[in-house]
Amino acid sequence: MKEIEITNESKWYKIDFVGIFEYRDLLWLLVKRDFVAFYKQTILGPLWYIIQPIFTSLTMTVIFSNIAKISTDGIHPFLFYLSASTLWSFFSEALNKTSNTFLNNSGLFGKVFFPRMIVPISTVLITYLKLFLQVLLFVVFYFILGGHESLNWNSIFSILVLVPLVFMQVGLFALGFGIFLSSYTTKYRDLVFALSFGISLMMYASPVIYPVSMVPAKYLDLYMLNPISSNIEVFRYALFGVLSIQWYHWGIGWLVTFLFLFLGMITFNKVEKNFMDTI
């Protein structure tokens, strides 16, 4: 029988990757629990994952494309907004849920031992399930509205290579940024209210309702410090062949992503040892 010693004397920079792997069964149980619990008393269930992006994209198409006449760089307006809203909704939901890890799971954390990092990881994984359903929806409209007409072997290769990398980077950024914020919400509850406001502002700092080509060139490097901006642009490039940034801008996004992932894991690991005293 394996003995486990529970102590709070581990170093703040020591991440328990082995423990996370050993508790992988718990990880999948948490994913299943969240998925079932969220839709247990709904009529449409997972169909909400499909209804939401359709109505969001239709609203954006009418307001920003038809009324405000904002350019979509030659991309079909509905596909332009659906591609961005699919990626943005994935990021915003993953960030919002992971940032409340300690607050929403304080009862669980106070009763039983397991690597705490499993909870935010399971949160991101459940949002990947939502993303998968929305990607299937996007593929349907992609072919119905003629987005596939520009496909060739090069663009197919770009989709197969770039799109998974985009999804991975956005998930990692949401995880890192989310657990970084969650480490401070235990002590500063104002961050919970500031986060919802900040996510709204961040959407306008990302090319969700407008193309990157509208951003002045002198501000582009600063603008691309937001990893979501470069990922939306690379996502659209893979699908439609339109690119308004340099590839090093995507590299900047990866650097920022790994920075927040590192800071988030370190801060999370440090706070989890005594967060019950401050929550």
Protein backbone atom coordinates (compact mmCIF):
# COMPACT_ATOMS: atom_id res chain seq x y z
CA MET A 1 0.00 0.00 0.00
CA LYS A 2 1.34 3.40 -1.00
CA GLU A 3 1.79 5.92 1.80
CA ILE A 4 1.04 9.60 1.18
CA GLU A 5 2.41 12.30 3.45
CA ILE A 6 0.38 15.52 3.45
CA THR A 7 2.43 18.56 4.39
CA ASN A 8 2.56 22.27 3.63
CA GLU A 9 6.33 22.47 3.79
CA SER A 10 6.94 21.93 0.07
CA LYS A 11 8.69 24.68 -1.82
CA TRP A 12 6.46 27.34 -3.41
CA TYR A 13 8.10 26.75 -6.79
CA LYS A 14 7.64 22.96 -6.71
CA ILE A 15 4.67 21.99 -8.90
CA ASP A 16 3.26 18.52 -8.23
CA PHE A 17 3.06 17.28 -11.82
CA VAL A 18 3.40 13.67 -10.66
CA GLY A 19 0.44 14.06 -8.33
CA ILE A 20 -1.67 15.57 -11.11
CA PHE A 21 -0.92 12.57 -13.31
CA GLU A 22 -1.66 10.09 -10.51
CA TYR A 23 -5.05 11.72 -9.90
CA ARG A 24 -6.00 11.77 -13.60
CA ASP A 25 -9.07 9.63 -12.87
CA LEU A 26 -10.33 12.35 -10.53
CA LEU A 27 -9.67 14.87 -13.26
CA TRP A 28 -12.01 13.11 -15.68
CA LEU A 29 -14.62 12.62 -12.95
CA LEU A 30 -14.64 16.38 -12.32
CA VAL A 31 -15.06 17.03 -16.04
CA LYS A 32 -17.99 14.63 -16.19
CA ARG A 33 -19.50 16.09 -13.03
CA ASP A 34 -19.42 19.66 -14.32
CA PHE A 35 -20.85 18.71 -17.70
CA VAL A 36 -23.73 16.68 -16.26
CA ALA A 37 -24.50 19.06 -13.39
CA PHE A 38 -24.64 22.17 -15.56
CA TYR A 39 -27.20 20.77 -18.00
CA LYS A 40 -29.07 18.40 -15.72
CA GLN A 41 -32.12 20.67 -15.36
CA THR A 42 -32.08 22.29 -18.80
CA ILE A 43 -34.43 21.48 -21.67
CA LEU A 44 -32.03 22.00 -24.56
CA GLY A 45 -28.90 20.82 -22.74
CA PRO A 46 -25.71 21.04 -24.83
CA LEU A 47 -27.69 22.69 -27.65
CA TRP A 48 -27.10 25.95 -25.77
CA TYR A 49 -23.49 25.61 -26.91
CA ILE A 50 -24.80 25.96 -30.48
CA ILE A 51 -27.60 28.46 -30.00
CA GLN A 52 -25.42 31.05 -28.24
CA PRO A 53 -22.77 31.57 -30.96
CA ILE A 54 -25.41 31.65 -33.72
CA PHE A 55 -27.41 34.47 -32.13
CA THR A 56 -24.26 36.30 -31.02
CA SER A 57 -22.82 36.22 -34.54
CA LEU A 58 -26.15 37.21 -36.12
CA THR A 59 -26.37 40.20 -33.78
CA MET A 60 -22.81 41.26 -34.58
CA THR A 61 -23.43 40.86 -38.31
CA VAL A 62 -26.51 43.09 -38.23
CA ILE A 63 -25.08 45.78 -35.94
CA PHE A 64 -21.41 46.00 -36.90
CA SER A 65 -21.46 44.91 -40.54
CA ASN A 66 -24.84 46.04 -41.86
CA ILE A 67 -25.45 49.12 -39.71
CA ALA A 68 -21.97 50.32 -38.65
CA LYS A 69 -20.44 49.16 -41.96
CA ILE A 70 -17.26 47.85 -40.30
CA SER A 71 -15.02 46.04 -42.77
CA THR A 72 -14.49 42.30 -42.54
CA ASP A 73 -11.54 42.24 -44.98
CA GLY A 74 -13.49 40.44 -47.67
CA ILE A 75 -14.59 37.60 -45.36
CA HIS A 76 -18.28 36.75 -45.21
CA PRO A 77 -19.52 38.84 -42.24
CA PHE A 78 -21.29 35.99 -40.46
CA LEU A 79 -18.23 33.72 -40.75
CA PHE A 80 -15.99 36.61 -39.69
CA TYR A 81 -17.90 37.11 -36.44
CA LEU A 82 -18.65 33.43 -35.84
CA SER A 83 -14.94 32.52 -36.03
CA ALA A 84 -14.00 35.22 -33.51
CA SER A 85 -16.93 34.64 -31.15
CA THR A 86 -16.20 30.90 -31.09
CA LEU A 87 -12.65 31.51 -29.93
CA TRP A 88 -13.57 34.41 -27.64
CA SER A 89 -16.39 32.58 -25.83
CA PHE A 90 -14.03 29.67 -25.19
CA PHE A 91 -11.42 31.97 -23.69
CA SER A 92 -13.77 34.15 -21.64
CA GLU A 93 -15.61 31.20 -20.11
CA ALA A 94 -12.42 29.32 -19.28
CA LEU A 95 -10.87 32.45 -17.75
CA ASN A 96 -13.95 33.34 -15.73
CA LYS A 97 -14.33 29.84 -14.26
CA THR A 98 -10.65 29.21 -13.49
CA SER A 99 -10.31 32.61 -11.83
CA ASN A 100 -12.93 31.50 -9.27
CA THR A 101 -11.30 28.16 -8.51
CA PHE A 102 -10.66 28.79 -4.81
CA LEU A 103 -13.95 30.59 -4.15
CA ASN A 104 -16.15 28.01 -5.87
CA ASN A 105 -14.37 24.96 -4.45
CA SER A 106 -13.46 26.06 -0.93
CA GLY A 107 -15.76 23.42 0.58
CA LEU A 108 -14.14 20.64 -1.43
CA PHE A 109 -10.60 21.86 -0.77
CA GLY A 110 -11.23 22.03 2.96
CA LYS A 111 -12.39 18.41 3.26
CA VAL A 112 -10.16 16.18 1.17
CA PHE A 113 -6.61 16.13 -0.16
CA PHE A 114 -5.76 16.04 -3.85
CA PRO A 115 -3.59 18.20 -6.12
CA ARG A 116 -5.55 21.45 -6.28
CA MET A 117 -4.36 22.18 -9.81
CA ILE A 118 -6.66 19.42 -11.05
CA VAL A 119 -9.73 21.65 -10.56
CA PRO A 120 -8.75 24.52 -12.91
CA ILE A 121 -7.41 22.01 -15.43
CA SER A 122 -10.75 20.19 -15.40
CA THR A 123 -12.48 23.55 -15.87
CA VAL A 124 -10.50 24.26 -19.03
CA LEU A 125 -11.12 20.75 -20.32
CA ILE A 126 -14.89 21.13 -19.96
CA THR A 127 -14.75 24.35 -21.97
CA TYR A 128 -12.85 22.42 -24.65
CA LEU A 129 -15.92 20.19 -24.97
CA LYS A 130 -18.00 23.29 -25.61
CA LEU A 131 -15.42 24.50 -28.11
CA PHE A 132 -15.58 21.18 -29.96
CA LEU A 133 -19.35 21.49 -30.43
CA GLN A 134 -19.03 25.09 -31.60
CA VAL A 135 -16.30 24.16 -34.06
CA LEU A 136 -18.62 21.55 -35.57
CA LEU A 137 -21.25 24.28 -35.90
CA PHE A 138 -18.72 26.58 -37.55
CA VAL A 139 -17.73 23.89 -40.04
CA VAL A 140 -21.38 23.56 -41.11
CA PHE A 141 -21.71 27.30 -41.81
CA TYR A 142 -18.21 27.36 -43.31
CA PHE A 143 -19.38 25.08 -46.12
CA ILE A 144 -22.92 26.49 -46.40
CA LEU A 145 -21.72 30.11 -46.81
CA GLY A 146 -18.87 29.28 -49.17
CA GLY A 147 -15.89 29.70 -46.89
CA HIS A 148 -14.46 26.47 -48.30
CA GLU A 149 -14.22 27.85 -51.84
CA SER A 150 -10.72 29.19 -51.23
CA LEU A 151 -9.46 25.87 -49.84
CA ASN A 152 -6.38 24.29 -51.39
CA TRP A 153 -3.72 21.91 -50.16
CA ASN A 154 -1.75 24.74 -48.52
CA SER A 155 -4.79 26.08 -46.66
CA ILE A 156 -5.82 22.59 -45.57
CA PHE A 157 -2.32 22.05 -44.19
CA SER A 158 -2.55 25.41 -42.39
CA ILE A 159 -5.87 24.43 -40.83
CA LEU A 160 -4.56 21.08 -39.64
CA VAL A 161 -1.42 22.63 -38.12
CA LEU A 162 -2.40 26.13 -36.99
CA VAL A 163 -5.91 25.63 -35.66
CA PRO A 164 -4.93 23.02 -33.00
CA LEU A 165 -2.04 25.25 -31.93
CA VAL A 166 -4.38 28.22 -31.63
CA PHE A 167 -6.80 26.23 -29.48
CA MET A 168 -3.96 24.96 -27.30
CA GLN A 169 -2.48 28.42 -26.79
CA VAL A 170 -5.81 30.03 -25.90
CA GLY A 171 -6.50 27.23 -23.39
CA LEU A 172 -3.07 27.61 -21.79
CA PHE A 173 -3.44 31.39 -21.58
CA ALA A 174 -6.88 31.09 -19.99
CA LEU A 175 -5.53 28.54 -17.50
CA GLY A 176 -2.44 30.55 -16.58
CA PHE A 177 -4.20 33.91 -16.37
CA GLY A 178 -7.16 32.36 -14.54
CA ILE A 179 -5.20 30.62 -11.79
CA PHE A 180 -3.04 33.72 -11.41
CA LEU A 181 -6.17 35.77 -10.70
CA SER A 182 -7.73 33.06 -8.53
CA SER A 183 -4.73 33.20 -6.24
CA TYR A 184 -5.59 36.79 -5.35
CA THR A 185 -9.38 36.56 -5.26
CA THR A 186 -9.07 34.61 -2.01
CA LYS A 187 -7.81 37.79 -0.33
CA TYR A 188 -9.10 40.57 -2.58
CA ARG A 189 -12.75 39.88 -3.43
CA ASP A 190 -12.96 43.06 -5.51
CA LEU A 191 -11.12 41.19 -8.24
CA VAL A 192 -14.22 39.06 -8.79
CA PHE A 193 -16.21 42.14 -9.82
CA ALA A 194 -13.30 43.71 -11.69
CA LEU A 195 -12.80 40.54 -13.72
CA SER A 196 -16.21 40.61 -15.41
CA PHE A 197 -15.64 44.25 -16.31
CA GLY A 198 -12.10 43.51 -17.47
CA ILE A 199 -13.20 40.65 -19.73
CA SER A 200 -15.64 43.00 -21.48
CA LEU A 201 -12.89 45.56 -22.03
CA MET A 202 -10.52 42.86 -23.23
CA MET A 203 -12.98 41.85 -25.94
CA TYR A 204 -12.77 45.34 -27.41
CA ALA A 205 -8.98 45.08 -27.22
CA SER A 206 -9.21 41.95 -29.42
CA PRO A 207 -10.26 41.76 -33.09
CA VAL A 208 -13.66 40.23 -32.37
CA ILE A 209 -15.88 42.89 -33.96
CA TYR A 210 -13.29 44.49 -36.24
CA PRO A 211 -10.30 43.29 -38.30
CA VAL A 212 -6.69 43.78 -37.23
CA SER A 213 -6.16 45.83 -40.40
CA MET A 214 -8.01 48.70 -38.66
CA VAL A 215 -5.37 48.91 -35.91
CA PRO A 216 -2.76 51.63 -36.67
CA ALA A 217 0.62 50.12 -37.50
CA LYS A 218 2.39 52.14 -34.76
CA TYR A 219 0.23 50.45 -32.10
CA LEU A 220 0.29 46.94 -33.56
CA ASP A 221 3.19 45.58 -31.48
CA LEU A 222 1.54 46.83 -28.28
CA TYR A 223 -1.82 45.50 -29.42
CA MET A 224 -0.37 42.04 -29.96
CA LEU A 225 0.72 41.76 -26.33
CA ASN A 226 -2.80 40.42 -25.95
CA PRO A 227 -2.41 36.77 -27.03
CA ILE A 228 -6.08 36.52 -28.00
CA SER A 229 -5.56 39.14 -30.72
CA SER A 230 -2.87 37.19 -32.55
CA ASN A 231 -4.73 33.91 -32.10
CA ILE A 232 -7.96 35.22 -33.60
CA GLU A 233 -5.97 36.58 -36.52
CA VAL A 234 -4.07 33.31 -37.08
CA PHE A 235 -7.34 31.40 -36.76
CA ARG A 236 -8.91 33.54 -39.48
CA TYR A 237 -5.80 33.21 -41.61
CA ALA A 238 -5.97 29.41 -41.47
CA LEU A 239 -9.64 29.49 -42.47
CA PHE A 240 -9.79 32.38 -44.93
CA GLY A 241 -6.19 33.13 -45.94
CA VAL A 242 -6.30 36.74 -44.64
CA LEU A 243 -3.40 37.83 -42.42
CA SER A 244 -2.74 41.39 -41.20
CA ILE A 245 0.09 40.67 -38.75
CA GLN A 246 3.64 39.39 -38.86
CA TRP A 247 4.38 35.91 -37.59
CA TYR A 248 6.54 37.28 -34.77
CA HIS A 249 3.37 38.81 -33.33
CA TRP A 250 2.08 35.28 -32.77
CA GLY A 251 5.43 34.49 -31.17
CA ILE A 252 4.90 37.39 -28.78
CA GLY A 253 1.54 35.87 -27.87
CA TRP A 254 3.22 32.55 -27.04
CA LEU A 255 5.75 34.30 -24.81
CA VAL A 256 3.01 36.14 -22.91
CA THR A 257 1.05 32.89 -22.62
CA PHE A 258 3.94 30.95 -21.10
CA LEU A 259 4.76 33.89 -18.80
CA PHE A 260 1.26 33.92 -17.34
CA LEU A 261 1.18 30.11 -17.18
CA PHE A 262 4.43 30.10 -15.19
CA LEU A 263 3.37 32.95 -12.89
CA GLY A 264 -0.07 31.43 -12.45
CA MET A 265 1.20 27.99 -11.47
CA ILE A 266 3.79 29.40 -9.09
CA THR A 267 1.31 31.77 -7.42
CA PHE A 268 -1.40 29.10 -7.26
CA ASN A 269 1.01 26.62 -5.69
CA LYS A 270 2.04 29.19 -3.09
CA VAL A 271 -1.47 30.31 -2.15
CA GLU A 272 -3.08 26.86 -1.98
CA LYS A 273 -1.11 26.00 1.16
CA ASN A 274 -2.90 28.54 3.36
CA PHE A 275 -5.82 29.92 1.36
CA MET A 276 -8.33 28.46 3.87
CA ASP A 277 -7.06 31.00 6.40
CA THR A 278 -7.99 33.96 4.18
CA ILE A 279 -11.01 32.81 2.17
